[in-house]
Amino acid sequence: MLPKVGIDRGAIRYLLAGAHMMCPGMTSKGGWLPAADAAIAAEKAVAIFAEGKEHPVGIGITKMGSNEIRKVNKGVGVETVHYLGDDLWAIQKL
């Protein structure tokens, strides 16, 4: 449904506190970005998966393309829009 990016274990607690995802969390050993031939463009919605977890734990918007995230490896790569446990998650009734 959405392109997938992955973050390492060290970034999980920050994501669940509402932080944006930094490039090093996606380029480290536990992180994941698609291969260069399946690159994600900037300003695209993505599902954020955490290392060792089966289901996504957040939704975000890429601030730069996945190839650029790999190349620059500094700063915010994905701006978090929704994450597990946020106010939208806790809403009882819409």
Protein backbone atom coordinates (compact mmCIF):
# COMPACT_ATOMS: atom_id res chain seq x y z
CA MET A 1 0.00 0.00 0.00
CA LEU A 2 2.81 2.42 0.97
CA PRO A 3 6.51 2.19 0.22
CA LYS A 4 8.47 0.79 3.15
CA VAL A 5 11.40 2.25 5.10
CA GLY A 6 12.92 0.73 8.20
CA ILE A 7 14.56 2.14 11.29
CA ASP A 8 17.05 0.51 13.64
CA ARG A 9 16.24 -0.49 17.22
CA GLY A 10 17.84 2.66 18.61
CA ALA A 11 15.35 4.91 16.80
CA ILE A 12 12.19 3.11 17.99
CA ARG A 13 11.84 4.96 21.28
CA TYR A 14 12.26 8.32 19.52
CA LEU A 15 9.63 7.45 16.90
CA LEU A 16 7.18 6.42 19.62
CA ALA A 17 7.79 9.80 21.29
CA GLY A 18 6.86 11.61 18.06
CA ALA A 19 10.31 12.44 16.66
CA HIS A 20 11.06 12.65 12.95
CA MET A 21 13.25 9.88 11.58
CA MET A 22 16.86 10.80 11.01
CA CYS A 23 18.85 9.45 8.05
CA PRO A 24 21.37 7.46 10.15
CA GLY A 25 18.53 5.42 11.69
CA MET A 26 17.58 4.22 8.22
CA THR A 27 21.09 3.66 6.83
CA SER A 28 22.54 1.80 9.81
CA LYS A 29 22.74 -1.99 10.04
CA GLY A 30 19.19 -2.36 11.43
CA GLY A 31 17.60 0.23 9.14
CA TRP A 32 16.23 -0.37 5.66
CA LEU A 33 15.81 1.65 2.47
CA PRO A 34 14.74 0.31 -0.94
CA ALA A 35 17.37 -0.51 -3.56
CA ALA A 36 18.47 2.29 -5.90
CA ASP A 37 16.34 0.92 -8.77
CA ALA A 38 13.20 1.10 -6.55
CA ALA A 39 14.03 4.48 -4.98
CA ILE A 40 11.40 6.52 -3.17
CA ALA A 41 11.10 10.17 -4.22
CA ALA A 42 10.99 13.13 -1.84
CA GLU A 43 7.59 14.21 -0.46
CA LYS A 44 6.08 10.70 -0.67
CA ALA A 45 4.11 8.95 2.07
CA VAL A 46 5.89 5.90 3.52
CA ALA A 47 5.22 3.21 6.11
CA ILE A 48 7.85 3.19 8.85
CA PHE A 49 8.83 -0.27 10.06
CA ALA A 50 11.00 -0.91 13.12
CA GLU A 51 13.80 -3.45 13.22
CA GLY A 52 12.46 -6.79 14.42
CA LYS A 53 8.77 -5.83 14.09
CA GLU A 54 6.33 -7.34 11.60
CA HIS A 55 3.93 -4.41 11.21
CA PRO A 56 4.57 -0.70 10.57
CA VAL A 57 4.81 1.52 13.65
CA GLY A 58 4.37 4.84 11.88
CA ILE A 59 3.53 6.79 8.75
CA GLY A 60 5.67 9.61 7.43
CA ILE A 61 6.54 11.86 4.51
CA THR A 62 10.02 11.65 2.99
CA LYS A 63 11.93 14.93 3.17
CA MET A 64 14.43 13.71 0.57
CA GLY A 65 14.58 10.77 -1.81
CA SER A 66 15.83 7.41 -0.53
CA ASN A 67 18.99 7.61 -2.66
CA GLU A 68 19.70 11.07 -1.23
CA ILE A 69 19.08 9.79 2.32
CA ARG A 70 21.73 7.14 1.70
CA LYS A 71 24.15 9.67 0.16
CA VAL A 72 23.75 12.55 2.67
CA ASN A 73 23.16 10.35 5.77
CA LYS A 74 22.51 13.42 7.92
CA GLY A 75 19.41 15.27 9.10
CA VAL A 76 15.71 14.38 8.90
CA GLY A 77 14.92 11.76 6.25
CA VAL A 78 11.26 11.14 7.09
CA GLU A 79 8.91 13.57 8.80
CA THR A 80 6.65 11.57 11.11
CA VAL A 81 2.92 12.17 10.59
CA HIS A 82 1.38 9.34 12.65
CA TYR A 83 2.90 6.78 14.99
CA LEU A 84 1.80 3.97 17.27
CA GLY A 85 0.31 5.43 20.46
CA ASP A 86 -0.19 9.04 19.32
CA ASP A 87 -3.41 11.02 19.87
CA LEU A 88 -4.97 9.76 16.63
CA TRP A 89 -4.21 6.20 17.69
CA ALA A 90 -5.84 6.76 21.10
CA ILE A 91 -9.09 8.25 19.71
CA GLN A 92 -12.03 6.12 20.81
CA LYS A 93 -14.58 7.36 18.29
CA LEU A 94 -14.43 9.42 15.11
